[in-house]
C-alpha atoms as a PDB file:
ATOM      1  CA  UNK A   1    -170.506  -7.058 -72.602  1.00  0.00           C
ATOM      2  CA  UNK A   2    -171.217 -10.750 -72.077  1.00  0.00           C
ATOM      3  CA  UNK A   3    -174.976 -10.058 -72.135  1.00  0.00           C
ATOM      4  CA  UNK A   4    -174.577  -8.291 -75.474  1.00  0.00           C
ATOM      5  CA  UNK A   5    -172.742 -11.269 -76.985  1.00  0.00           C
ATOM      6  CA  UNK A   6    -175.207 -13.807 -75.587  1.00  0.00           C
ATOM      7  CA  UNK A   7    -178.172 -11.749 -76.821  1.00  0.00           C
ATOM      8  CA  UNK A   8    -176.758 -11.459 -80.354  1.00  0.00           C
ATOM      9  CA  UNK A   9    -175.879 -15.170 -80.476  1.00  0.00           C
ATOM     10  CA  UNK A  10    -179.424 -16.110 -79.478  1.00  0.00           C
ATOM     11  CA  UNK A  11    -180.834 -13.758 -82.127  1.00  0.00           C
ATOM     12  CA  UNK A  12    -178.483 -15.362 -84.689  1.00  0.00           C
ATOM     13  CA  UNK A  13    -179.858 -18.794 -83.748  1.00  0.00           C
ATOM     14  CA  UNK A  14    -183.419 -17.473 -84.103  1.00  0.00           C
ATOM     15  CA  UNK A  15    -182.492 -16.132 -87.550  1.00  0.00           C
ATOM     16  CA  UNK A  16    -181.194 -19.573 -88.545  1.00  0.00           C
ATOM     17  CA  UNK A  17    -184.422 -21.254 -87.423  1.00  0.00           C
ATOM     18  CA  UNK A  18    -186.497 -18.488 -88.990  1.00  0.00           C
ATOM     19  CA  UNK A  19    -184.853 -19.023 -92.353  1.00  0.00           C
ATOM     20  CA  UNK A  20    -185.826 -22.694 -92.215  1.00  0.00           C
ATOM     21  CA  UNK A  21    -189.476 -22.022 -91.403  1.00  0.00           C
ATOM     22  CA  UNK A  22    -190.194 -18.808 -93.317  1.00  0.00           C
ATOM     23  CA  UNK A  23    -190.374 -19.423 -97.059  1.00  0.00           C
ATOM     24  CA  UNK A  24    -188.671 -16.569 -98.888  1.00  0.00           C
ATOM     25  CA  UNK A  25    -185.821 -16.122 -96.389  1.00  0.00           C
ATOM     26  CA  UNK A  26    -182.625 -18.103 -96.861  1.00  0.00           C
ATOM     27  CA  UNK A  27    -179.276 -17.966 -95.096  1.00  0.00           C
ATOM     28  CA  UNK A  28    -176.150 -19.892 -96.082  1.00  0.00           C
ATOM     29  CA  UNK A  29    -174.768 -20.569 -92.609  1.00  0.00           C
ATOM     30  CA  UNK A  30    -174.340 -19.479 -89.019  1.00  0.00           C
ATOM     31  CA  UNK A  31    -171.590 -16.989 -89.893  1.00  0.00           C
ATOM     32  CA  UNK A  32    -173.970 -15.300 -92.300  1.00  0.00           C
ATOM     33  CA  UNK A  33    -176.596 -15.274 -89.564  1.00  0.00           C
ATOM     34  CA  UNK A  34    -174.209 -13.434 -87.255  1.00  0.00           C
ATOM     35  CA  UNK A  35    -173.460 -10.903 -90.004  1.00  0.00           C
ATOM     36  CA  UNK A  36    -177.209 -10.422 -90.502  1.00  0.00           C
ATOM     37  CA  UNK A  37    -177.646  -9.742 -86.766  1.00  0.00           C
ATOM     38  CA  UNK A  38    -175.005  -7.015 -86.794  1.00  0.00           C
ATOM     39  CA  UNK A  39    -176.247  -5.563 -90.091  1.00  0.00           C
ATOM     40  CA  UNK A  40    -179.842  -5.464 -88.814  1.00  0.00           C
ATOM     41  CA  UNK A  41    -178.640  -3.776 -85.631  1.00  0.00           C
ATOM     42  CA  UNK A  42    -176.749  -1.192 -87.665  1.00  0.00           C
ATOM     43  CA  UNK A  43    -179.648  -0.637 -90.068  1.00  0.00           C
ATOM     44  CA  UNK A  44    -182.197  -0.309 -87.261  1.00  0.00           C
ATOM     45  CA  UNK A  45    -179.965   2.110 -85.379  1.00  0.00           C
ATOM     46  CA  UNK A  46    -178.832   4.392 -88.196  1.00  0.00           C
ATOM     47  CA  UNK A  47    -180.948   3.877 -91.333  1.00  0.00           C
ATOM     48  CA  UNK A  48    -184.410   3.261 -89.925  1.00  0.00           C
ATOM     49  CA  UNK A  49    -184.704   6.682 -88.181  1.00  0.00           C
ATOM     50  CA  UNK A  50    -183.728   8.404 -91.431  1.00  0.00           C
ATOM     51  CA  UNK A  51    -186.326   6.392 -93.361  1.00  0.00           C
ATOM     52  CA  UNK A  52    -188.947   7.218 -90.720  1.00  0.00           C
ATOM     53  CA  UNK A  53    -188.146  10.907 -90.958  1.00  0.00           C
ATOM     54  CA  UNK A  54    -188.285  10.942 -94.758  1.00  0.00           C
ATOM     55  CA  UNK A  55    -191.542   8.997 -94.860  1.00  0.00           C
ATOM     56  CA  UNK A  56    -193.280  10.870 -92.041  1.00  0.00           C
ATOM     57  CA  UNK A  57    -196.044  12.382 -94.226  1.00  0.00           C
ATOM     58  CA  UNK A  58    -197.055   9.040 -95.759  1.00  0.00           C
ATOM     59  CA  UNK A  59    -196.797   7.380 -92.350  1.00  0.00           C
ATOM     60  CA  UNK A  60    -199.256   9.903 -90.908  1.00  0.00           C
ATOM     61  CA  UNK A  61    -201.617   9.482 -93.874  1.00  0.00           C
ATOM     62  CA  UNK A  62    -201.541   5.695 -93.513  1.00  0.00           C
ATOM     63  CA  UNK A  63    -202.039   5.927 -89.731  1.00  0.00           C
ATOM     64  CA  UNK A  64    -198.676   4.275 -89.098  1.00  0.00           C
ATOM     65  CA  UNK A  65    -199.089   1.298 -91.421  1.00  0.00           C
ATOM     66  CA  UNK A  66    -196.253   2.537 -93.611  1.00  0.00           C
ATOM     67  CA  UNK A  67    -193.881   1.628 -90.762  1.00  0.00           C
ATOM     68  CA  UNK A  68    -194.410  -2.002 -91.796  1.00  0.00           C
ATOM     69  CA  UNK A  69    -193.106  -1.109 -95.251  1.00  0.00           C
ATOM     70  CA  UNK A  70    -190.085   0.560 -93.644  1.00  0.00           C
ATOM     71  CA  UNK A  71    -189.345  -2.669 -91.748  1.00  0.00           C
ATOM     72  CA  UNK A  72    -189.432  -4.603 -95.026  1.00  0.00           C
ATOM     73  CA  UNK A  73    -187.188  -2.011 -96.688  1.00  0.00           C
ATOM     74  CA  UNK A  74    -184.635  -2.380 -93.876  1.00  0.00           C
ATOM     75  CA  UNK A  75    -184.601  -6.182 -94.332  1.00  0.00           C
ATOM     76  CA  UNK A  76    -184.092  -5.710 -98.096  1.00  0.00           C
ATOM     77  CA  UNK A  77    -181.219  -3.279 -97.452  1.00  0.00           C
ATOM     78  CA  UNK A  78    -179.530  -5.906 -95.289  1.00  0.00           C
ATOM     79  CA  UNK A  79    -180.225  -8.483 -98.020  1.00  0.00           C
ATOM     80  CA  UNK A  80    -178.439  -6.253-100.526  1.00  0.00           C
ATOM     81  CA  UNK A  81    -175.276  -5.913 -98.442  1.00  0.00           C
ATOM     82  CA  UNK A  82    -174.921  -9.383 -96.883  1.00  0.00           C
ATOM     83  CA  UNK A  83    -173.816 -12.141 -99.249  1.00  0.00           C
ATOM     84  CA  UNK A  84    -175.554 -15.409 -98.405  1.00  0.00           C
ATOM     85  CA  UNK A  85    -178.729 -13.763 -97.086  1.00  0.00           C
ATOM     86  CA  UNK A  86    -181.579 -13.801 -99.580  1.00  0.00           C
ATOM     87  CA  UNK A  87    -185.072 -12.388 -99.259  1.00  0.00           C
ATOM     88  CA  UNK A  88    -187.977 -12.568-101.688  1.00  0.00           C
ATOM     89  CA  UNK A  89    -191.485 -11.175-101.572  1.00  0.00           C
ATOM     90  CA  UNK A  90    -193.143  -8.796 -99.125  1.00  0.00           C
ATOM     91  CA  UNK A  91    -194.718 -11.032 -96.486  1.00  0.00           C
ATOM     92  CA  UNK A  92    -191.586 -13.131 -95.637  1.00  0.00           C
ATOM     93  CA  UNK A  93    -189.416 -10.118 -94.666  1.00  0.00           C
ATOM     94  CA  UNK A  94    -192.387  -8.694 -92.765  1.00  0.00           C
ATOM     95  CA  UNK A  95    -192.743 -11.898 -90.723  1.00  0.00           C
ATOM     96  CA  UNK A  96    -188.943 -12.024 -90.351  1.00  0.00           C
ATOM     97  CA  UNK A  97    -188.877  -8.501 -88.950  1.00  0.00           C
ATOM     98  CA  UNK A  98    -191.723  -9.336 -86.516  1.00  0.00           C
ATOM     99  CA  UNK A  99    -189.862 -12.412 -85.277  1.00  0.00           C
ATOM    100  CA  UNK A 100    -186.665 -10.403 -84.778  1.00  0.00           C
ATOM    101  CA  UNK A 101    -188.516  -7.623 -82.968  1.00  0.00           C
ATOM    102  CA  UNK A 102    -190.295 -10.016 -80.615  1.00  0.00           C
ATOM    103  CA  UNK A 103    -187.092 -11.959 -79.946  1.00  0.00           C
ATOM    104  CA  UNK A 104    -185.098  -8.804 -79.290  1.00  0.00           C
ATOM    105  CA  UNK A 105    -187.783  -7.465 -76.952  1.00  0.00           C
ATOM    106  CA  UNK A 106    -188.014 -10.672 -74.926  1.00  0.00           C
ATOM    107  CA  UNK A 107    -184.226 -10.968 -74.690  1.00  0.00           C
ATOM    108  CA  UNK A 108    -184.084  -7.311 -73.637  1.00  0.00           C
ATOM    109  CA  UNK A 109    -186.298  -8.145 -70.681  1.00  0.00           C
ATOM    110  CA  UNK A 110    -183.788 -10.728 -69.472  1.00  0.00           C
ATOM    111  CA  UNK A 111    -180.421  -9.268 -70.476  1.00  0.00           C
ATOM    112  CA  UNK A 112    -180.821  -5.479 -70.332  1.00  0.00           C
ATOM    113  CA  UNK A 113    -181.260  -5.155 -66.580  1.00  0.00           C
ATOM    114  CA  UNK A 114    -179.519  -2.147 -65.086  1.00  0.00           C
END
């Protein structure tokens, strides 16, 4: 449980720094960053598989490139529901989703040991 909390706090800090360096992403404060972490976790767990299933034909036709669009859609869904988190454009949420994926993967290497 402690690893889970530490991992999500580190991701929240990365989100705060990411919002400062990625134009088009803005976050009001650290509390909003924590809400974004939990909302992204929820969206990636429950909404993203549904979006992947619904968009399977276009994903196959685009040789998987449509998955990038799905990542951007998930970030925009979180933007819609979290007050204080604002996203604009296509490239900023794409970069944001890459940064979160890389951070989560690296933290998984250190904290998800069984």
